[in-house]
Every structure is written in structure tokens, then in C-alpha cells.
């Protein structure tokens, strides 16, 4: 399921200043720096949304960056930011990029929008465009008890645990280097807010 136009507008307005986006962008940047000090490595944001992650990397000096997104609204925002992008589904990455041509694929909160039966093959498609020593940085929503109003607004139907997500990984293709839950310290506060949101949704639906 795709996010609606209003959610893309909200994202574009807050992703450069909201703590969650800023933290996610920094975590990706930190992982990229650990992989290579070069600013010329080929980086693809698979599901780039309105382009916040790519804009962040551009401001950090990266020159070989691009993205895809299936939403025309997201692509429109990217182009207004002069970000190289193309309208395409993540399942069709191999139609946009050559095999073994990309150093890093970033995939933030996208796999969860792919149908469950297609998630494994989508990861295999990501693997196909990565260089032999390439890496994929993936962020997905965790734990069903963190569901809230935002999940409904963006059409989010799947949340994961480390175990459930690791089952999607073909261990012959990918090696899991690092996996963590974040933001760990804020999780009790987030859980309380999301619980109140679910209670509100249940009350409104009665």
C-alpha cells in the first residue's frame, strides 16, 4: 500500500528537522562512513520518498547518489530539490541499475510496503545490483504493540522483530552485519503514546 499525497507533503515539511528523520539519516550516514571514506561511491535510496535522505547525503558531499520511488508525489518533491530519481517500484530496481554496480542501497521503511510473498524476492533484487562487497542499509518498523495513528495514515500493515525480519534474509546472499532496535531509550514513551492512540482509534470506531 502506498502513502497518500498528504503524508508525502507532511514528510517533506518535517524530515529536515524532525528528530526521528534526523536520527535515521545520521544512522545511515554513520554506516556509510564505516563502509568507505570516499564521497564518490554509488549510493541508491530505494524508496526515496521526498528525497530527505539523499538531500542529507548531498549536503555531506556525496556525488554519486540517486533514488527511486513509486509515488509521483515523492518524485515531484525530489525533482524540486534537484535530486536524481526515477519513478519505479523497488521490485524493479534491476530495470534501473546494472547488476553489481552499486556500493550501497538504502531502504528505509519500504520493505514493509511490499506484499509478504514478494519481500524475499525484493531483497534478492537489491542483492543483484550490489557490488560483491556492497551493503544494504534497511530500516523497518518494529513490534506490533507500537502500532498507532501514523501506521493507519501511511498504510503500514507490517511490523517486525529481529527474528521475523532475519527470516526474510537469504543467508547465501546477505550476511547480517548489524541489527538493532532504535530509538531504544525513547521506546517506553513511544509505547505509551501509541497505546493511547490505539485506544482513541478503538473508541472512535465504536
C-alpha atoms as a PDB file:
ATOM      1  CA  UNK A   1       0.000   0.000   0.000  1.00  0.00           C
ATOM      2  CA  UNK A   2       1.265   3.461  -0.916  1.00  0.00           C
ATOM      3  CA  UNK A   3       1.253   6.531   1.315  1.00  0.00           C
ATOM      4  CA  UNK A   4      -1.259   9.181   0.349  1.00  0.00           C
ATOM      5  CA  UNK A   5      -0.358  12.610  -1.019  1.00  0.00           C
ATOM      6  CA  UNK A   6      -0.992  14.399   2.288  1.00  0.00           C
ATOM      7  CA  UNK A   7       1.537  12.200   4.081  1.00  0.00           C
ATOM      8  CA  UNK A   8       4.191  12.989   1.461  1.00  0.00           C
ATOM      9  CA  UNK A   9       3.593  16.695   1.990  1.00  0.00           C
ATOM     10  CA  UNK A  10       3.899  16.240   5.758  1.00  0.00           C
ATOM     11  CA  UNK A  11       7.117  14.287   5.276  1.00  0.00           C
ATOM     12  CA  UNK A  12       8.663  16.924   3.035  1.00  0.00           C
ATOM     13  CA  UNK A  13       7.858  19.629   5.588  1.00  0.00           C
ATOM     14  CA  UNK A  14       9.413  17.917   8.605  1.00  0.00           C
ATOM     15  CA  UNK A  15      12.126  15.480   7.500  1.00  0.00           C
ATOM     16  CA  UNK A  16      14.960  18.015   7.746  1.00  0.00           C
ATOM     17  CA  UNK A  17      14.121  18.994  11.330  1.00  0.00           C
ATOM     18  CA  UNK A  18      12.122  16.191  12.995  1.00  0.00           C
ATOM     19  CA  UNK A  19      14.215  14.211  15.494  1.00  0.00           C
ATOM     20  CA  UNK A  20      13.202  10.831  14.036  1.00  0.00           C
ATOM     21  CA  UNK A  21      14.250  11.652  10.470  1.00  0.00           C
ATOM     22  CA  UNK A  22      17.409  13.389  11.639  1.00  0.00           C
ATOM     23  CA  UNK A  23      18.354  10.347  13.727  1.00  0.00           C
ATOM     24  CA  UNK A  24      17.641   7.930  10.886  1.00  0.00           C
ATOM     25  CA  UNK A  25      19.651   9.985   8.412  1.00  0.00           C
ATOM     26  CA  UNK A  26      22.576  10.138  10.822  1.00  0.00           C
ATOM     27  CA  UNK A  27      22.480   6.372  11.460  1.00  0.00           C
ATOM     28  CA  UNK A  28      22.648   5.731   7.718  1.00  0.00           C
ATOM     29  CA  UNK A  29      25.445   8.280   7.290  1.00  0.00           C
ATOM     30  CA  UNK A  30      27.423   6.682  10.128  1.00  0.00           C
ATOM     31  CA  UNK A  31      27.110   3.244   8.489  1.00  0.00           C
ATOM     32  CA  UNK A  32      28.177   4.662   5.128  1.00  0.00           C
ATOM     33  CA  UNK A  33      31.257   6.254   6.697  1.00  0.00           C
ATOM     34  CA  UNK A  34      32.191   2.907   8.233  1.00  0.00           C
ATOM     35  CA  UNK A  35      31.930   1.299   4.801  1.00  0.00           C
ATOM     36  CA  UNK A  36      34.016   3.865   2.908  1.00  0.00           C
ATOM     37  CA  UNK A  37      35.544   7.320   3.246  1.00  0.00           C
ATOM     38  CA  UNK A  38      35.008   8.013  -0.449  1.00  0.00           C
ATOM     39  CA  UNK A  39      32.341  10.551  -1.420  1.00  0.00           C
ATOM     40  CA  UNK A  40      32.106   9.050  -4.921  1.00  0.00           C
ATOM     41  CA  UNK A  41      30.679   5.637  -4.028  1.00  0.00           C
ATOM     42  CA  UNK A  42      27.414   4.727  -5.769  1.00  0.00           C
ATOM     43  CA  UNK A  43      24.510   5.066  -3.346  1.00  0.00           C
ATOM     44  CA  UNK A  44      20.867   4.310  -4.166  1.00  0.00           C
ATOM     45  CA  UNK A  45      17.921   5.187  -1.945  1.00  0.00           C
ATOM     46  CA  UNK A  46      15.350   2.538  -2.828  1.00  0.00           C
ATOM     47  CA  UNK A  47      12.088   4.178  -1.837  1.00  0.00           C
ATOM     48  CA  UNK A  48      13.478   7.685  -1.513  1.00  0.00           C
ATOM     49  CA  UNK A  49      10.144   9.331  -0.699  1.00  0.00           C
ATOM     50  CA  UNK A  50      10.536  13.101  -0.904  1.00  0.00           C
ATOM     51  CA  UNK A  51      14.327  12.864  -1.019  1.00  0.00           C
ATOM     52  CA  UNK A  52      15.308  13.809   2.529  1.00  0.00           C
ATOM     53  CA  UNK A  53      17.952  11.088   2.890  1.00  0.00           C
ATOM     54  CA  UNK A  54      19.542  11.907  -0.466  1.00  0.00           C
ATOM     55  CA  UNK A  55      19.473  15.627   0.287  1.00  0.00           C
ATOM     56  CA  UNK A  56      21.238  14.897   3.595  1.00  0.00           C
ATOM     57  CA  UNK A  57      23.941  12.916   1.777  1.00  0.00           C
ATOM     58  CA  UNK A  58      24.278  15.612  -0.880  1.00  0.00           C
ATOM     59  CA  UNK A  59      24.897  18.166   1.870  1.00  0.00           C
ATOM     60  CA  UNK A  60      27.567  15.825   3.248  1.00  0.00           C
ATOM     61  CA  UNK A  61      29.386  15.952  -0.080  1.00  0.00           C
ATOM     62  CA  UNK A  62      28.306  12.690  -1.738  1.00  0.00           C
ATOM     63  CA  UNK A  63      28.214  12.998  -5.519  1.00  0.00           C
ATOM     64  CA  UNK A  64      27.052   9.650  -6.915  1.00  0.00           C
ATOM     65  CA  UNK A  65      23.614   9.379  -5.343  1.00  0.00           C
ATOM     66  CA  UNK A  66      20.185   8.650  -6.783  1.00  0.00           C
ATOM     67  CA  UNK A  67      16.878   7.119  -5.859  1.00  0.00           C
ATOM     68  CA  UNK A  68      13.637   5.531  -6.939  1.00  0.00           C
ATOM     69  CA  UNK A  69      10.123   5.802  -5.580  1.00  0.00           C
ATOM     70  CA  UNK A  70       6.783   4.538  -6.818  1.00  0.00           C
ATOM     71  CA  UNK A  71       4.947   7.741  -5.894  1.00  0.00           C
ATOM     72  CA  UNK A  72       4.644  10.598  -8.368  1.00  0.00           C
ATOM     73  CA  UNK A  73       4.263  12.971  -5.388  1.00  0.00           C
ATOM     74  CA  UNK A  74       7.531  11.764  -3.888  1.00  0.00           C
ATOM     75  CA  UNK A  75       9.335  12.048  -7.232  1.00  0.00           C
ATOM     76  CA  UNK A  76       7.949  15.549  -7.721  1.00  0.00           C
ATOM     77  CA  UNK A  77       9.412  16.647  -4.367  1.00  0.00           C
ATOM     78  CA  UNK A  78      12.770  15.035  -5.234  1.00  0.00           C
ATOM     79  CA  UNK A  79      12.988  16.836  -8.554  1.00  0.00           C
ATOM     80  CA  UNK A  80      12.128  20.142  -6.916  1.00  0.00           C
ATOM     81  CA  UNK A  81      15.174  19.505  -4.701  1.00  0.00           C
ATOM     82  CA  UNK A  82      17.273  18.717  -7.808  1.00  0.00           C
ATOM     83  CA  UNK A  83      17.727  15.104  -6.685  1.00  0.00           C
ATOM     84  CA  UNK A  84      18.354  12.446  -9.323  1.00  0.00           C
ATOM     85  CA  UNK A  85      15.475   9.979  -9.145  1.00  0.00           C
ATOM     86  CA  UNK A  86      13.135   7.819 -11.171  1.00  0.00           C
ATOM     87  CA  UNK A  87       9.569   6.643 -10.678  1.00  0.00           C
ATOM     88  CA  UNK A  88       9.794   2.893 -10.226  1.00  0.00           C
ATOM     89  CA  UNK A  89       8.849   0.140  -7.810  1.00  0.00           C
ATOM     90  CA  UNK A  90      11.565  -1.285  -5.585  1.00  0.00           C
ATOM     91  CA  UNK A  91      10.821  -4.708  -7.078  1.00  0.00           C
ATOM     92  CA  UNK A  92      12.134  -3.328 -10.397  1.00  0.00           C
ATOM     93  CA  UNK A  93      15.490  -1.996  -9.193  1.00  0.00           C
ATOM     94  CA  UNK A  94      17.223  -4.289 -11.659  1.00  0.00           C
ATOM     95  CA  UNK A  95      15.500  -2.425 -14.506  1.00  0.00           C
ATOM     96  CA  UNK A  96      17.032   0.887 -13.403  1.00  0.00           C
ATOM     97  CA  UNK A  97      20.515  -0.144 -12.230  1.00  0.00           C
ATOM     98  CA  UNK A  98      23.010  -2.581 -13.709  1.00  0.00           C
ATOM     99  CA  UNK A  99      23.937  -5.801 -11.966  1.00  0.00           C
ATOM    100  CA  UNK A 100      26.785  -5.462  -9.429  1.00  0.00           C
ATOM    101  CA  UNK A 101      27.014  -1.692  -9.958  1.00  0.00           C
ATOM    102  CA  UNK A 102      26.012  -0.175  -6.601  1.00  0.00           C
ATOM    103  CA  UNK A 103      28.061   0.155  -3.417  1.00  0.00           C
ATOM    104  CA  UNK A 104      25.214   0.913  -1.002  1.00  0.00           C
ATOM    105  CA  UNK A 105      21.458   0.526  -1.187  1.00  0.00           C
ATOM    106  CA  UNK A 106      19.449   2.378   1.447  1.00  0.00           C
ATOM    107  CA  UNK A 107      15.975   1.040   2.089  1.00  0.00           C
ATOM    108  CA  UNK A 108      14.189   2.983   4.825  1.00  0.00           C
ATOM    109  CA  UNK A 109      10.670   1.823   5.689  1.00  0.00           C
ATOM    110  CA  UNK A 110       9.937   0.380   2.267  1.00  0.00           C
ATOM    111  CA  UNK A 111      10.133  -3.425   2.530  1.00  0.00           C
ATOM    112  CA  UNK A 112       7.106  -3.315   4.838  1.00  0.00           C
ATOM    113  CA  UNK A 113       5.001  -1.927   1.962  1.00  0.00           C
ATOM    114  CA  UNK A 114       5.862  -4.851  -0.289  1.00  0.00           C
ATOM    115  CA  UNK A 115       3.455  -7.783  -0.130  1.00  0.00           C
ATOM    116  CA  UNK A 116       4.663 -10.535   2.175  1.00  0.00           C
ATOM    117  CA  UNK A 117       5.004 -13.021  -0.682  1.00  0.00           C
ATOM    118  CA  UNK A 118       7.259 -10.563  -2.579  1.00  0.00           C
ATOM    119  CA  UNK A 119       9.520  -9.410   0.259  1.00  0.00           C
ATOM    120  CA  UNK A 120      12.142 -12.132  -0.163  1.00  0.00           C
ATOM    121  CA  UNK A 121      12.369 -11.666  -3.931  1.00  0.00           C
ATOM    122  CA  UNK A 122      12.618  -7.886  -3.436  1.00  0.00           C
ATOM    123  CA  UNK A 123      15.649  -8.394  -1.204  1.00  0.00           C
ATOM    124  CA  UNK A 124      17.139 -10.657  -3.874  1.00  0.00           C
ATOM    125  CA  UNK A 125      16.629  -7.845  -6.412  1.00  0.00           C
ATOM    126  CA  UNK A 126      18.529  -5.480  -4.109  1.00  0.00           C
ATOM    127  CA  UNK A 127      21.302  -8.050  -3.842  1.00  0.00           C
ATOM    128  CA  UNK A 128      21.551  -8.294  -7.637  1.00  0.00           C
ATOM    129  CA  UNK A 129      22.536  -4.637  -8.117  1.00  0.00           C
ATOM    130  CA  UNK A 130      25.039  -4.557  -5.245  1.00  0.00           C
ATOM    131  CA  UNK A 131      28.745  -4.989  -5.844  1.00  0.00           C
ATOM    132  CA  UNK A 132      30.354  -8.060  -4.313  1.00  0.00           C
ATOM    133  CA  UNK A 133      31.390  -6.043  -1.251  1.00  0.00           C
ATOM    134  CA  UNK A 134      28.310  -3.796  -1.289  1.00  0.00           C
ATOM    135  CA  UNK A 135      25.961  -3.322   1.648  1.00  0.00           C
ATOM    136  CA  UNK A 136      22.268  -2.694   2.142  1.00  0.00           C
ATOM    137  CA  UNK A 137      21.024  -0.462   4.967  1.00  0.00           C
ATOM    138  CA  UNK A 138      17.476  -1.362   5.904  1.00  0.00           C
ATOM    139  CA  UNK A 139      15.111   0.254   8.369  1.00  0.00           C
ATOM    140  CA  UNK A 140      11.718  -1.292   9.133  1.00  0.00           C
ATOM    141  CA  UNK A 141       9.083  -0.620  11.817  1.00  0.00           C
ATOM    142  CA  UNK A 142       9.311  -2.890  14.854  1.00  0.00           C
ATOM    143  CA  UNK A 143       6.824  -4.632  17.167  1.00  0.00           C
ATOM    144  CA  UNK A 144       3.062  -4.715  16.673  1.00  0.00           C
ATOM    145  CA  UNK A 145       2.461  -3.107  20.061  1.00  0.00           C
ATOM    146  CA  UNK A 146       3.991   0.103  18.688  1.00  0.00           C
ATOM    147  CA  UNK A 147       1.131   0.481  16.221  1.00  0.00           C
ATOM    148  CA  UNK A 148      -0.571   3.886  16.262  1.00  0.00           C
ATOM    149  CA  UNK A 149      -2.357   6.546  14.236  1.00  0.00           C
ATOM    150  CA  UNK A 150       0.671   7.025  11.997  1.00  0.00           C
ATOM    151  CA  UNK A 151       0.510   3.387  10.889  1.00  0.00           C
ATOM    152  CA  UNK A 152      -3.024   3.888   9.655  1.00  0.00           C
ATOM    153  CA  UNK A 153      -2.211   7.217   7.990  1.00  0.00           C
ATOM    154  CA  UNK A 154       0.672   5.788   5.933  1.00  0.00           C
ATOM    155  CA  UNK A 155      -0.944   2.413   5.241  1.00  0.00           C
ATOM    156  CA  UNK A 156       1.529   0.472   7.367  1.00  0.00           C
ATOM    157  CA  UNK A 157       0.375  -3.108   7.841  1.00  0.00           C
ATOM    158  CA  UNK A 158       3.548  -4.989   8.817  1.00  0.00           C
ATOM    159  CA  UNK A 159       5.896  -4.592  11.768  1.00  0.00           C
ATOM    160  CA  UNK A 160       8.850  -6.839  12.540  1.00  0.00           C
ATOM    161  CA  UNK A 161      11.038  -8.335  15.212  1.00  0.00           C
ATOM    162  CA  UNK A 162      14.699  -9.151  14.641  1.00  0.00           C
ATOM    163  CA  UNK A 163      13.739 -12.790  14.279  1.00  0.00           C
ATOM    164  CA  UNK A 164      10.893 -12.266  11.815  1.00  0.00           C
ATOM    165  CA  UNK A 165      12.954  -9.964   9.619  1.00  0.00           C
ATOM    166  CA  UNK A 166      16.024 -12.190   9.663  1.00  0.00           C
ATOM    167  CA  UNK A 167      13.842 -14.983   8.255  1.00  0.00           C
ATOM    168  CA  UNK A 168      13.439 -12.908   5.081  1.00  0.00           C
ATOM    169  CA  UNK A 169      17.191 -12.813   4.513  1.00  0.00           C
ATOM    170  CA  UNK A 170      18.764 -15.315   2.155  1.00  0.00           C
ATOM    171  CA  UNK A 171      21.896 -16.148   4.123  1.00  0.00           C
ATOM    172  CA  UNK A 172      23.628 -17.312   0.924  1.00  0.00           C
ATOM    173  CA  UNK A 173      23.308 -13.779  -0.462  1.00  0.00           C
ATOM    174  CA  UNK A 174      23.371 -11.481   2.551  1.00  0.00           C
ATOM    175  CA  UNK A 175      25.386 -11.538   5.722  1.00  0.00           C
ATOM    176  CA  UNK A 176      23.739  -9.642   8.569  1.00  0.00           C
ATOM    177  CA  UNK A 177      26.463  -7.379   9.929  1.00  0.00           C
ATOM    178  CA  UNK A 178      24.464  -5.468  12.500  1.00  0.00           C
ATOM    179  CA  UNK A 179      20.856  -5.349  13.647  1.00  0.00           C
ATOM    180  CA  UNK A 180      19.396  -3.170  16.393  1.00  0.00           C
ATOM    181  CA  UNK A 181      16.185  -1.693  17.736  1.00  0.00           C
ATOM    182  CA  UNK A 182      16.023   2.088  17.900  1.00  0.00           C
ATOM    183  CA  UNK A 183      15.287   4.541  19.453  1.00  0.00           C
ATOM    184  CA  UNK A 184      15.676   2.247  22.474  1.00  0.00           C
ATOM    185  CA  UNK A 185      15.750   4.899  25.219  1.00  0.00           C
ATOM    186  CA  UNK A 186      12.573   6.554  23.955  1.00  0.00           C
ATOM    187  CA  UNK A 187      10.660   3.312  23.464  1.00  0.00           C
ATOM    188  CA  UNK A 188       8.690   3.489  26.775  1.00  0.00           C
ATOM    189  CA  UNK A 189       7.417   6.975  25.884  1.00  0.00           C
ATOM    190  CA  UNK A 190       6.607   5.957  22.314  1.00  0.00           C
ATOM    191  CA  UNK A 191       4.814   2.844  23.567  1.00  0.00           C
ATOM    192  CA  UNK A 192       2.665   4.925  25.917  1.00  0.00           C
ATOM    193  CA  UNK A 193       1.731   7.360  23.134  1.00  0.00           C
ATOM    194  CA  UNK A 194       0.940   4.588  20.664  1.00  0.00           C
ATOM    195  CA  UNK A 195      -1.184   2.746  23.252  1.00  0.00           C
ATOM    196  CA  UNK A 196      -3.228   5.900  23.828  1.00  0.00           C
ATOM    197  CA  UNK A 197      -3.584   6.319  20.065  1.00  0.00           C
ATOM    198  CA  UNK A 198      -4.906   2.764  19.678  1.00  0.00           C
ATOM    199  CA  UNK A 199      -7.402   3.341  22.469  1.00  0.00           C
ATOM    200  CA  UNK A 200      -8.519   6.514  20.728  1.00  0.00           C
ATOM    201  CA  UNK A 201      -8.896   4.699  17.405  1.00  0.00           C
ATOM    202  CA  UNK A 202     -10.910   1.915  19.012  1.00  0.00           C
ATOM    203  CA  UNK A 203     -13.151   4.458  20.747  1.00  0.00           C
ATOM    204  CA  UNK A 204     -13.718   6.412  17.507  1.00  0.00           C
ATOM    205  CA  UNK A 205     -14.580   3.248  15.609  1.00  0.00           C
ATOM    206  CA  UNK A 206     -17.344   2.305  18.022  1.00  0.00           C
END
